[in-house]
C-alpha cells in the first residue's frame, strides 16, 4: 500500500486506502503467530504467499512478458481467494482488474 502505482490504482478504483490499511494491520496483528520472548528466527514464506507468487508468474508468462510488475501481483492477489488482501478488496467492491494501455 506504500507503492505509488498501487496507491494510484486503488484510488482510481475508488478504494479507501486508509481503511484497507487499518483492516490489514488489525488482521496481521491478530492472526500472525509471535515467537516467545527472547526467541529470534527468520520469517517463513506461507503457502498462500507461494501460491500468489505462482499465480503472478503464470499471469506474467501468459501475457508474454519477461518480468512481473506490481500490477501482475495485484492481479494474482485478486485471483487467490485464500488471501486476506483478496477478501478486503472484494469487500470494497473490487472483483477483477484489467490493465489497459
C-alpha atoms as a PDB file:
ATOM      1  CA  UNK A   1       0.000   0.000   0.000  1.00  0.00           C
ATOM      2  CA  UNK A   2       3.037   2.264   0.117  1.00  0.00           C
ATOM      3  CA  UNK A   3       3.759   1.830  -3.603  1.00  0.00           C
ATOM      4  CA  UNK A   4       2.758   4.832  -5.761  1.00  0.00           C
ATOM      5  CA  UNK A   5       1.440   2.617  -8.579  1.00  0.00           C
ATOM      6  CA  UNK A   6      -0.752   0.665  -6.159  1.00  0.00           C
ATOM      7  CA  UNK A   7      -1.951   3.842  -4.423  1.00  0.00           C
ATOM      8  CA  UNK A   8      -2.967   5.343  -7.777  1.00  0.00           C
ATOM      9  CA  UNK A   9      -4.588   2.109  -8.894  1.00  0.00           C
ATOM     10  CA  UNK A  10      -6.625   1.797  -5.679  1.00  0.00           C
ATOM     11  CA  UNK A  11      -7.585   5.471  -5.794  1.00  0.00           C
ATOM     12  CA  UNK A  12      -8.726   5.037  -9.407  1.00  0.00           C
ATOM     13  CA  UNK A  13     -10.862   2.096  -8.256  1.00  0.00           C
ATOM     14  CA  UNK A  14     -12.392   4.236  -5.509  1.00  0.00           C
ATOM     15  CA  UNK A  15     -10.810   2.266  -2.664  1.00  0.00           C
ATOM     16  CA  UNK A  16     -10.267   3.909   0.726  1.00  0.00           C
ATOM     17  CA  UNK A  17      -6.584   3.112   1.219  1.00  0.00           C
ATOM     18  CA  UNK A  18      -6.524   4.104   4.891  1.00  0.00           C
ATOM     19  CA  UNK A  19      -9.462   1.805   5.595  1.00  0.00           C
ATOM     20  CA  UNK A  20      -7.907  -1.273   3.982  1.00  0.00           C
ATOM     21  CA  UNK A  21      -4.546  -0.442   5.575  1.00  0.00           C
ATOM     22  CA  UNK A  22      -6.110  -0.436   9.040  1.00  0.00           C
ATOM     23  CA  UNK A  23      -8.125  -3.612   8.338  1.00  0.00           C
ATOM     24  CA  UNK A  24      -4.977  -5.352   7.135  1.00  0.00           C
ATOM     25  CA  UNK A  25      -2.923  -4.133  10.087  1.00  0.00           C
ATOM     26  CA  UNK A  26      -5.544  -5.369  12.580  1.00  0.00           C
ATOM     27  CA  UNK A  27      -5.770  -8.723  10.763  1.00  0.00           C
ATOM     28  CA  UNK A  28      -1.995  -9.225  10.766  1.00  0.00           C
ATOM     29  CA  UNK A  29      -1.643  -8.278  14.424  1.00  0.00           C
ATOM     30  CA  UNK A  30      -4.492 -10.623  15.406  1.00  0.00           C
ATOM     31  CA  UNK A  31      -3.523 -13.584  13.225  1.00  0.00           C
ATOM     32  CA  UNK A  32       0.249 -13.657  12.932  1.00  0.00           C
ATOM     33  CA  UNK A  33       1.872 -16.053  15.386  1.00  0.00           C
ATOM     34  CA  UNK A  34       4.553 -14.497  17.542  1.00  0.00           C
ATOM     35  CA  UNK A  35       7.690 -16.122  18.858  1.00  0.00           C
ATOM     36  CA  UNK A  36       8.057 -16.389  22.608  1.00  0.00           C
ATOM     37  CA  UNK A  37      10.005 -13.537  24.163  1.00  0.00           C
ATOM     38  CA  UNK A  38      13.713 -13.948  23.577  1.00  0.00           C
ATOM     39  CA  UNK A  39      13.305 -16.248  20.553  1.00  0.00           C
ATOM     40  CA  UNK A  40      14.630 -14.822  17.299  1.00  0.00           C
ATOM     41  CA  UNK A  41      14.071 -16.567  13.985  1.00  0.00           C
ATOM     42  CA  UNK A  42      13.670 -15.773  10.301  1.00  0.00           C
ATOM     43  CA  UNK A  43      10.151 -15.346   8.865  1.00  0.00           C
ATOM     44  CA  UNK A  44       8.843 -18.232   6.768  1.00  0.00           C
ATOM     45  CA  UNK A  45       7.024 -17.944   3.465  1.00  0.00           C
ATOM     46  CA  UNK A  46       3.446 -19.177   3.749  1.00  0.00           C
ATOM     47  CA  UNK A  47       1.772 -21.495   1.264  1.00  0.00           C
ATOM     48  CA  UNK A  48      -0.649 -18.676   0.466  1.00  0.00           C
ATOM     49  CA  UNK A  49       2.192 -16.334  -0.453  1.00  0.00           C
ATOM     50  CA  UNK A  50       3.806 -19.077  -2.511  1.00  0.00           C
ATOM     51  CA  UNK A  51       0.607 -19.721  -4.467  1.00  0.00           C
ATOM     52  CA  UNK A  52       0.057 -15.989  -5.027  1.00  0.00           C
ATOM     53  CA  UNK A  53       3.574 -15.661  -6.416  1.00  0.00           C
ATOM     54  CA  UNK A  54       2.959 -18.721  -8.618  1.00  0.00           C
ATOM     55  CA  UNK A  55      -0.224 -17.075  -9.951  1.00  0.00           C
ATOM     56  CA  UNK A  56       1.812 -13.942 -10.675  1.00  0.00           C
ATOM     57  CA  UNK A  57       4.466 -15.879 -12.582  1.00  0.00           C
ATOM     58  CA  UNK A  58       1.815 -17.725 -14.603  1.00  0.00           C
ATOM     59  CA  UNK A  59      -0.023 -14.461 -15.359  1.00  0.00           C
ATOM     60  CA  UNK A  60       3.226 -12.816 -16.442  1.00  0.00           C
ATOM     61  CA  UNK A  61       4.196 -15.731 -18.680  1.00  0.00           C
ATOM     62  CA  UNK A  62       0.701 -15.923 -20.197  1.00  0.00           C
ATOM     63  CA  UNK A  63       0.981 -12.239 -21.074  1.00  0.00           C
ATOM     64  CA  UNK A  64       4.287 -12.952 -22.830  1.00  0.00           C
ATOM     65  CA  UNK A  65       6.240 -10.667 -20.518  1.00  0.00           C
ATOM     66  CA  UNK A  66       9.790 -11.283 -19.347  1.00  0.00           C
ATOM     67  CA  UNK A  67       9.303  -9.779 -15.896  1.00  0.00           C
ATOM     68  CA  UNK A  68       6.451  -9.218 -13.477  1.00  0.00           C
ATOM     69  CA  UNK A  69       5.137  -5.853 -12.372  1.00  0.00           C
ATOM     70  CA  UNK A  70       3.347  -4.742  -9.236  1.00  0.00           C
ATOM     71  CA  UNK A  71       0.143  -4.886 -11.289  1.00  0.00           C
ATOM     72  CA  UNK A  72       0.776  -8.572 -12.026  1.00  0.00           C
ATOM     73  CA  UNK A  73       0.984  -9.171  -8.271  1.00  0.00           C
ATOM     74  CA  UNK A  74      -2.269  -7.236  -7.823  1.00  0.00           C
ATOM     75  CA  UNK A  75      -3.991  -9.481 -10.377  1.00  0.00           C
ATOM     76  CA  UNK A  76      -2.593 -12.524  -8.539  1.00  0.00           C
ATOM     77  CA  UNK A  77      -3.964 -11.310  -5.216  1.00  0.00           C
ATOM     78  CA  UNK A  78      -7.400 -10.879  -6.791  1.00  0.00           C
ATOM     79  CA  UNK A  79      -7.192 -14.384  -8.251  1.00  0.00           C
ATOM     80  CA  UNK A  80      -6.103 -16.048  -5.000  1.00  0.00           C
ATOM     81  CA  UNK A  81      -9.271 -16.229  -2.927  1.00  0.00           C
ATOM     82  CA  UNK A  82      -7.341 -17.550   0.089  1.00  0.00           C
ATOM     83  CA  UNK A  83      -5.680 -14.237   0.919  1.00  0.00           C
ATOM     84  CA  UNK A  84      -6.877 -11.592   3.317  1.00  0.00           C
ATOM     85  CA  UNK A  85      -5.945  -8.979   0.702  1.00  0.00           C
ATOM     86  CA  UNK A  86      -8.383 -10.617  -1.736  1.00  0.00           C
ATOM     87  CA  UNK A  87     -11.088 -10.605   0.927  1.00  0.00           C
ATOM     88  CA  UNK A  88     -10.590  -6.913   1.753  1.00  0.00           C
ATOM     89  CA  UNK A  89     -10.504  -5.849  -1.901  1.00  0.00           C
ATOM     90  CA  UNK A  90     -13.598  -7.893  -2.746  1.00  0.00           C
ATOM     91  CA  UNK A  91     -15.374  -6.432   0.290  1.00  0.00           C
ATOM     92  CA  UNK A  92     -14.572  -2.987  -1.130  1.00  0.00           C
ATOM     93  CA  UNK A  93     -16.094  -3.963  -4.482  1.00  0.00           C
ATOM     94  CA  UNK A  94     -13.029  -4.956  -6.496  1.00  0.00           C
ATOM     95  CA  UNK A  95     -13.807  -8.182  -8.349  1.00  0.00           C
ATOM     96  CA  UNK A  96     -11.215  -8.105 -11.091  1.00  0.00           C
ATOM     97  CA  UNK A  97      -8.661  -5.797 -12.626  1.00  0.00           C
ATOM     98  CA  UNK A  98      -7.890  -5.368 -16.264  1.00  0.00           C
ATOM     99  CA  UNK A  99      -4.855  -3.325 -17.239  1.00  0.00           C
ATOM    100  CA  UNK A 100      -5.406  -1.346 -20.396  1.00  0.00           C
ATOM    101  CA  UNK A 101      -2.665   0.638 -22.109  1.00  0.00           C
END
